[in-house]
Amino acid sequence: MGIAIGNLIKGQEKHVLAYTKSGKILLFSLSGNLLLDDIVAEKMAIWDGIIEDIDKDNKGEIILGGIDGLLRIFKCSDDFQLIPYWAHQFGASISGILISDINNDGLNEIIAYSLDKSIRVLNPYSGALIWGQLFEEGVSDAIIFTSLDNVEKIEVIASSNDGTIRSFDSLKGDLLWFKQFDNKVRTISYVRDEKDNFIVCGGDDKKLHILELERKEEIKTLMMVDYVWKSLSYPYIFNNKLLVSTYSFDFLDENIPIQSIQFTSEVIALDQKFNIMWNLKNVNVEKIDYIEVFGIKIVLVGSTKGELFLINELNGEILFQINHNSCINDFEFDKVSNILITCHDNGYINAYRISMD
């Protein structure tokens, strides 16, 4: 199950989208009122969902990507009925979706990537292919990189199960550069310091690779105990710090109760010189994020065991912790209402309001 929060109607209260492994989607108000319960992909998991106004009509569209490889776009009527807008078929499960104006035409293009080995840029009005590129194996992650020195210079940088990261020109999709590693690359991010930009990636070789972007040279490598699973640069615009999580598959042993497993995986916070500021050990992470609430900088962590952590970003102090004993698949935070929504393997959706108390 996954969660997205967005405006279905501009200027009104945001809505909550939940999507499931059975192909069902749910729409809620932020107060928890159920507005829609519908099946869009019969017995087919939906892996990614976004609410975003992609055609500038002041109404948010629902963008869904699933295991069947079909990218579905819906509009939503005033009485919360789904209206198909357009769809685009991939050859295998969709790994992720980004939305950004990458060619400076005033439109928010849809960048989707798939286990069918392709990354594609699509017109938001019709779903028509603007450009696409193929890898040797499935595409695992992607980022949009914009140079602060030249905001019109935009790169789409993606990682793949074939062990490569590749950078493409955002206008026509021409290959700009690539780097080969020894095993699957699961995650990719970028970090800036006062004068340089860095690409950071990692995966099944259990290493975090740090590359100086201009020279494309690896300047530092951090060894991990488990797979490098997720990475996130923050805060927005500055992007001068990095969160990294590692992942263990020990929980797949059905003979061991998941709550009794002592995971070796962890969360690591790095500064712009890639020094470790703090780490959260023995946590198998499903999602990490960074928020600011009442001037406090907070790292959010959701775990395989069902643990939810709110952590002081500066020193790693745990400000809040709760365990639902069911894997946290996803969470989203609404910074206007200060509401945090989590969803779990057992089908539960929980909402919390973060306060100063």
Protein backbone atom coordinates (compact mmCIF):
# COMPACT_ATOMS: atom_id res chain seq x y z
CA MET A 1 0.00 0.00 0.00
CA GLY A 2 1.12 3.56 -0.70
CA ILE A 3 0.02 7.10 0.15
CA ALA A 4 -0.05 10.43 -1.70
CA ILE A 5 -1.40 13.83 -0.63
CA GLY A 6 -2.39 16.57 -3.06
CA ASN A 7 -4.92 19.10 -4.27
CA LEU A 8 -7.70 17.64 -6.43
CA ILE A 9 -9.11 21.17 -6.59
CA LYS A 10 -6.69 24.08 -6.32
CA GLY A 11 -7.20 26.26 -3.26
CA GLN A 12 -9.28 23.69 -1.39
CA GLU A 13 -8.28 21.26 1.34
CA LYS A 14 -5.92 18.56 0.16
CA HIS A 15 -6.98 14.96 -0.33
CA VAL A 16 -5.34 11.66 0.55
CA LEU A 17 -4.84 8.95 -2.07
CA ALA A 18 -4.21 5.38 -0.92
CA TYR A 19 -3.30 2.67 -3.44
CA THR A 20 -3.01 -1.05 -2.77
CA LYS A 21 -1.43 -4.33 -3.85
CA SER A 22 -4.84 -5.53 -5.06
CA GLY A 23 -5.29 -2.67 -7.55
CA LYS A 24 -7.72 -0.68 -5.41
CA ILE A 25 -7.48 3.06 -4.76
CA LEU A 26 -9.10 5.04 -1.97
CA LEU A 27 -9.63 8.77 -1.60
CA PHE A 28 -9.99 10.41 1.81
CA SER A 29 -10.33 13.91 3.16
CA LEU A 30 -7.57 14.93 5.58
CA SER A 31 -10.11 14.46 8.36
CA GLY A 32 -10.50 10.80 7.34
CA ASN A 33 -13.80 10.82 5.45
CA LEU A 34 -13.87 8.18 2.70
CA LEU A 35 -14.69 9.79 -0.65
CA LEU A 36 -13.88 7.05 -3.16
CA ASP A 37 -13.29 3.30 -3.11
CA ASP A 38 -12.60 1.89 -6.57
CA ILE A 39 -10.66 -0.84 -8.35
CA VAL A 40 -8.51 0.40 -11.24
CA ALA A 41 -6.34 -2.69 -11.83
CA GLU A 42 -8.01 -5.99 -10.95
CA LYS A 43 -5.67 -7.98 -8.66
CA MET A 44 -2.68 -5.98 -9.95
CA ALA A 45 -0.53 -4.06 -7.48
CA ILE A 46 -0.25 -0.28 -7.79
CA TRP A 47 3.34 0.65 -6.87
CA ASP A 48 3.29 4.42 -7.23
CA GLY A 49 0.68 7.17 -7.01
CA ILE A 50 0.75 10.95 -7.26
CA ILE A 51 -1.83 13.76 -7.16
CA GLU A 52 -0.60 16.59 -9.38
CA ASP A 53 -2.09 19.15 -11.77
CA ILE A 54 -0.27 18.11 -14.94
CA ASP A 55 -2.43 20.01 -17.45
CA LYS A 56 -2.74 23.34 -15.60
CA ASP A 57 -6.55 23.29 -15.25
CA ASN A 58 -6.33 23.98 -11.49
CA LYS A 59 -7.44 20.43 -10.74
CA GLY A 60 -5.14 17.66 -9.68
CA GLU A 61 -4.91 14.51 -11.76
CA ILE A 62 -4.31 11.07 -10.22
CA ILE A 63 -1.22 9.40 -11.69
CA LEU A 64 -0.78 5.67 -11.04
CA GLY A 65 1.93 3.20 -12.00
CA GLY A 66 1.57 -0.51 -11.39
CA ILE A 67 2.95 -3.99 -11.75
CA ASP A 68 1.08 -4.45 -15.06
CA GLY A 69 3.22 -1.71 -16.65
CA LEU A 70 0.26 0.55 -17.40
CA LEU A 71 0.70 4.20 -16.46
CA ARG A 72 -2.83 5.43 -15.74
CA ILE A 73 -3.93 9.05 -15.54
CA PHE A 74 -7.35 9.94 -14.13
CA LYS A 75 -9.26 13.12 -13.60
CA CYS A 76 -11.66 13.28 -10.68
CA SER A 77 -15.17 14.76 -10.90
CA ASP A 78 -16.59 17.09 -8.27
CA ASP A 79 -18.49 14.13 -6.78
CA PHE A 80 -15.27 12.06 -6.67
CA GLN A 81 -15.78 9.77 -9.62
CA LEU A 82 -12.75 8.72 -11.67
CA ILE A 83 -12.59 9.86 -15.30
CA PRO A 84 -9.91 8.19 -17.46
CA TYR A 85 -7.66 10.85 -19.04
CA TRP A 86 -4.98 8.83 -20.84
CA ALA A 87 -2.75 5.80 -20.35
CA HIS A 88 0.67 4.66 -21.52
CA GLN A 89 1.79 1.03 -21.62
CA PHE A 90 5.22 -0.16 -20.51
CA GLY A 91 6.47 -3.71 -21.03
CA ALA A 92 6.86 -4.50 -17.33
CA SER A 93 6.25 -3.12 -13.84
CA ILE A 94 6.69 0.64 -13.40
CA SER A 95 9.46 1.38 -10.89
CA GLY A 96 8.81 5.08 -10.34
CA ILE A 97 7.33 8.35 -11.59
CA LEU A 98 8.69 11.90 -11.55
CA ILE A 99 6.89 15.07 -12.61
CA SER A 100 8.91 18.11 -13.64
CA ASP A 101 9.27 20.70 -16.40
CA ILE A 102 12.54 19.34 -17.78
CA ASN A 103 12.58 21.14 -21.14
CA ASN A 104 11.52 24.64 -20.05
CA ASP A 105 8.30 24.63 -22.07
CA GLY A 106 6.07 25.49 -19.11
CA LEU A 107 4.62 21.97 -18.95
CA ASN A 108 5.23 19.40 -16.24
CA GLU A 109 6.43 16.38 -18.17
CA ILE A 110 5.97 12.90 -16.74
CA ILE A 111 9.18 10.91 -16.38
CA ALA A 112 8.46 7.23 -15.75
CA TYR A 113 10.86 4.31 -15.57
CA SER A 114 10.27 0.60 -15.60
CA LEU A 115 11.65 -2.90 -15.18
CA ASP A 116 11.17 -3.20 -18.96
CA LYS A 117 14.60 -1.47 -19.15
CA SER A 118 13.23 1.89 -20.31
CA ILE A 119 12.96 5.43 -19.01
CA ARG A 120 10.43 7.57 -20.86
CA VAL A 121 9.44 11.24 -20.91
CA LEU A 122 5.77 11.75 -21.74
CA ASN A 123 3.60 14.69 -22.76
CA PRO A 124 1.29 15.50 -19.82
CA TYR A 125 -1.72 16.25 -22.04
CA SER A 126 -1.70 13.13 -24.20
CA GLY A 127 0.84 10.65 -22.90
CA ALA A 128 2.72 10.86 -26.21
CA LEU A 129 6.38 9.88 -26.03
CA ILE A 130 8.74 12.87 -26.08
CA TRP A 131 11.85 10.72 -25.74
CA GLY A 132 12.92 7.41 -24.26
CA GLN A 133 16.10 5.48 -23.53
CA LEU A 134 16.88 1.81 -22.89
CA PHE A 135 19.18 0.16 -20.36
CA GLU A 136 20.37 -3.46 -20.43
CA GLU A 137 18.21 -4.30 -17.38
CA GLY A 138 15.38 -2.69 -15.41
CA VAL A 139 15.59 0.95 -14.30
CA SER A 140 15.56 1.24 -10.50
CA ASP A 141 15.67 4.96 -9.68
CA ALA A 142 15.95 8.39 -11.31
CA ILE A 143 16.52 12.02 -10.38
CA ILE A 144 16.28 15.40 -12.08
CA PHE A 145 19.46 17.45 -11.73
CA THR A 146 19.48 21.18 -12.47
CA SER A 147 22.66 23.23 -12.42
CA LEU A 148 22.39 26.29 -10.16
CA ASP A 149 24.77 28.10 -12.52
CA ASN A 150 22.48 27.46 -15.50
CA VAL A 151 18.88 26.54 -14.65
CA GLU A 152 18.20 25.64 -18.29
CA LYS A 153 20.82 22.88 -18.10
CA ILE A 154 18.85 19.89 -16.84
CA GLU A 155 19.93 16.25 -16.70
CA VAL A 156 17.81 13.16 -16.12
CA ILE A 157 20.07 10.73 -14.26
CA ALA A 158 18.91 7.14 -13.74
CA SER A 159 20.24 3.96 -12.14
CA SER A 160 19.70 0.40 -13.27
CA ASN A 161 19.85 -3.24 -12.29
CA ASP A 162 22.55 -3.55 -14.96
CA GLY A 163 24.94 -1.75 -12.58
CA THR A 164 25.06 1.54 -14.46
CA ILE A 165 24.03 5.10 -13.84
CA ARG A 166 23.37 7.12 -16.98
CA SER A 167 22.74 10.81 -17.57
CA PHE A 168 20.54 12.09 -20.39
CA ASP A 169 19.98 15.53 -21.83
CA SER A 170 16.49 16.57 -20.77
CA LEU A 171 15.52 18.07 -24.14
CA LYS A 172 16.16 15.17 -26.54
CA GLY A 173 17.29 12.34 -24.30
CA ASP A 174 20.82 12.16 -25.70
CA LEU A 175 23.24 10.18 -23.51
CA LEU A 176 25.62 12.60 -21.77
CA TRP A 177 27.67 10.18 -19.66
CA PHE A 178 27.49 6.88 -17.81
CA LYS A 179 29.28 4.99 -15.06
CA GLN A 180 29.50 1.20 -14.59
CA PHE A 181 29.49 -0.52 -11.20
CA ASP A 182 29.86 -4.17 -10.19
CA ASN A 183 26.27 -4.88 -9.14
CA LYS A 184 22.71 -3.55 -9.19
CA VAL A 185 22.35 0.14 -8.37
CA ARG A 186 19.20 0.63 -6.28
CA THR A 187 19.25 4.34 -5.46
CA ILE A 188 20.68 7.61 -6.75
CA SER A 189 20.79 11.16 -5.34
CA TYR A 190 22.88 14.32 -5.60
CA VAL A 191 24.53 16.57 -3.04
CA ARG A 192 25.86 20.11 -3.41
CA ASP A 193 28.57 21.91 -1.44
CA GLU A 194 29.86 25.47 -1.76
CA LYS A 195 31.50 24.84 -5.14
CA ASP A 196 30.88 21.28 -6.40
CA ASN A 197 28.07 18.87 -7.19
CA PHE A 198 28.19 15.17 -6.35
CA ILE A 199 26.23 12.14 -7.51
CA VAL A 200 25.68 9.52 -4.82
CA CYS A 201 24.50 5.98 -5.57
CA GLY A 202 24.52 2.50 -4.12
CA GLY A 203 22.96 -0.91 -4.27
CA ASP A 204 23.74 -4.60 -4.08
CA ASP A 205 27.51 -4.19 -3.78
CA LYS A 206 26.82 -2.76 -0.29
CA LYS A 207 28.78 0.39 -1.05
CA LEU A 208 27.82 4.06 -1.19
CA HIS A 209 29.62 5.56 -4.19
CA ILE A 210 30.27 9.32 -4.22
CA LEU A 211 31.18 10.87 -7.59
CA GLU A 212 32.28 14.42 -8.32
CA LEU A 213 29.88 15.35 -11.08
CA GLU A 214 32.06 17.53 -13.29
CA ARG A 215 34.90 14.97 -13.55
CA LYS A 216 32.65 11.88 -13.15
CA GLU A 217 35.26 10.46 -10.79
CA GLU A 218 34.57 8.53 -7.60
CA ILE A 219 36.08 10.52 -4.74
CA LYS A 220 34.86 8.47 -1.79
CA THR A 221 33.32 5.07 -1.06
CA LEU A 222 31.53 4.10 2.14
CA MET A 223 31.26 0.39 2.96
CA MET A 224 27.97 -0.88 4.37
CA VAL A 225 26.90 -4.13 6.03
CA ASP A 226 23.68 -4.46 4.00
CA TYR A 227 22.30 -3.40 0.62
CA VAL A 228 22.22 0.36 0.01
CA TRP A 229 18.48 0.81 -0.47
CA LYS A 230 17.36 4.44 -0.32
CA SER A 231 18.97 7.87 -0.36
CA LEU A 232 17.61 11.38 -0.02
CA SER A 233 19.38 14.72 -0.33
CA TYR A 234 17.98 17.64 1.66
CA PRO A 235 16.93 20.34 2.43
CA TYR A 236 15.21 21.34 -0.81
CA ILE A 237 17.16 23.66 -3.13
CA PHE A 238 20.33 23.51 -0.99
CA ASN A 239 20.52 19.68 -1.07
CA ASN A 240 23.75 19.78 0.91
CA LYS A 241 23.08 16.84 3.24
CA LEU A 242 22.21 13.20 2.64
CA LEU A 243 20.16 10.48 4.29
CA VAL A 244 21.02 6.89 3.38
CA SER A 245 19.31 3.68 4.47
CA THR A 246 20.45 0.09 4.11
CA TYR A 247 18.24 -2.98 3.82
CA SER A 248 18.25 -6.60 4.91
CA PHE A 249 16.07 -9.47 3.67
CA ASP A 250 16.33 -11.43 6.93
CA PHE A 251 12.58 -11.00 7.45
CA LEU A 252 11.88 -13.35 4.52
CA ASP A 253 12.74 -16.30 6.79
CA GLU A 254 9.23 -17.30 7.88
CA ASN A 255 10.64 -19.39 10.74
CA ILE A 256 11.75 -16.24 12.57
CA PRO A 257 9.09 -13.79 13.91
CA ILE A 258 9.84 -10.43 12.38
CA GLN A 259 9.64 -8.57 15.70
CA SER A 260 12.42 -10.76 17.10
CA ILE A 261 14.89 -10.10 14.27
CA GLN A 262 17.92 -8.00 15.18
CA PHE A 263 18.47 -6.18 11.90
CA THR A 264 21.95 -4.97 11.00
CA SER A 265 20.55 -2.35 8.61
CA GLU A 266 20.55 1.34 9.54
CA VAL A 267 19.92 4.97 8.64
CA ILE A 268 22.93 7.26 8.20
CA ALA A 269 22.91 11.08 8.05
CA LEU A 270 25.85 12.64 6.17
CA ASP A 271 26.95 16.26 5.96
CA GLN A 272 28.12 17.94 2.74
CA LYS A 273 31.65 16.58 3.26
CA PHE A 274 30.14 13.08 3.58
CA ASN A 275 31.06 12.77 7.23
CA ILE A 276 28.60 10.81 9.37
CA MET A 277 26.57 13.15 11.61
CA TRP A 278 24.58 10.34 13.27
CA ASN A 279 23.06 6.97 12.56
CA LEU A 280 20.03 4.95 13.65
CA LYS A 281 21.11 1.33 13.99
CA ASN A 282 19.22 -1.97 13.79
CA VAL A 283 16.32 -0.57 11.76
CA ASN A 284 15.22 -2.01 8.41
CA VAL A 285 13.89 1.04 6.59
CA GLU A 286 11.00 1.14 4.13
CA LYS A 287 10.91 4.93 3.78
CA ILE A 288 12.85 8.01 4.90
CA ASP A 289 11.95 11.67 4.53
CA TYR A 290 12.86 15.11 5.82
CA ILE A 291 10.40 17.75 7.07
CA GLU A 292 10.43 21.00 9.02
CA VAL A 293 7.74 21.62 11.66
CA PHE A 294 7.60 24.69 13.91
CA GLY A 295 11.19 25.44 12.94
CA ILE A 296 12.36 21.97 14.01
CA LYS A 297 14.19 19.90 11.41
CA ILE A 298 12.95 16.31 11.52
CA VAL A 299 13.87 13.06 9.79
CA LEU A 300 10.97 10.62 9.39
CA VAL A 301 11.69 6.88 9.30
CA GLY A 302 9.25 4.03 8.71
CA SER A 303 10.46 0.45 9.20
CA THR A 304 9.75 -3.14 8.19
CA LYS A 305 8.80 -3.93 11.79
CA GLY A 306 6.21 -1.13 11.78
CA GLU A 307 8.27 1.37 13.74
CA LEU A 308 7.74 5.08 13.11
CA PHE A 309 10.54 7.41 14.21
CA LEU A 310 10.66 11.20 14.32
CA ILE A 311 14.32 12.14 14.69
CA ASN A 312 16.04 15.46 15.37
CA GLU A 313 17.95 16.04 12.13
CA LEU A 314 20.78 17.89 13.85
CA ASN A 315 21.85 15.29 16.43
CA GLY A 316 19.92 12.07 15.79
CA GLU A 317 17.84 12.30 18.98
CA ILE A 318 14.59 10.28 18.74
CA LEU A 319 11.77 12.76 19.40
CA PHE A 320 8.92 10.28 18.94
CA GLN A 321 8.63 6.55 18.39
CA ILE A 322 5.72 4.14 18.02
CA ASN A 323 5.51 0.54 16.78
CA HIS A 324 2.41 -0.71 14.97
CA ASN A 325 3.81 -4.27 14.56
CA SER A 326 2.99 -4.13 10.85
CA CYS A 327 5.36 -2.97 8.12
CA ILE A 328 5.09 0.72 7.24
CA ASN A 329 4.80 0.63 3.47
CA ASP A 330 4.64 4.40 3.02
CA PHE A 331 3.92 7.72 4.70
CA GLU A 332 3.25 11.29 3.63
CA PHE A 333 3.31 14.59 5.51
CA ASP A 334 1.10 17.61 4.80
CA LYS A 335 2.99 20.71 5.90
CA VAL A 336 -0.12 22.93 5.93
CA SER A 337 -2.13 20.88 8.42
CA ASN A 338 0.93 19.19 10.02
CA ILE A 339 -0.77 15.84 9.50
CA LEU A 340 1.38 12.72 8.99
CA ILE A 341 -0.33 9.70 7.40
CA THR A 342 1.11 6.18 7.44
CA CYS A 343 -0.08 2.98 5.76
CA HIS A 344 0.77 -0.58 6.71
CA ASP A 345 0.94 -4.17 5.48
CA ASN A 346 -2.11 -5.08 7.56
CA GLY A 347 -4.25 -2.58 5.63
CA TYR A 348 -4.39 0.08 8.35
CA ILE A 349 -4.01 3.80 7.61
CA ASN A 350 -3.08 6.00 10.57
CA ALA A 351 -3.09 9.79 10.81
CA TYR A 352 -1.12 11.86 13.31
CA ARG A 353 -1.09 15.61 13.86
CA ILE A 354 2.37 16.85 14.82
CA SER A 355 2.18 19.53 17.52
CA MET A 356 4.56 21.43 19.78
CA ASP A 357 3.40 19.50 22.89
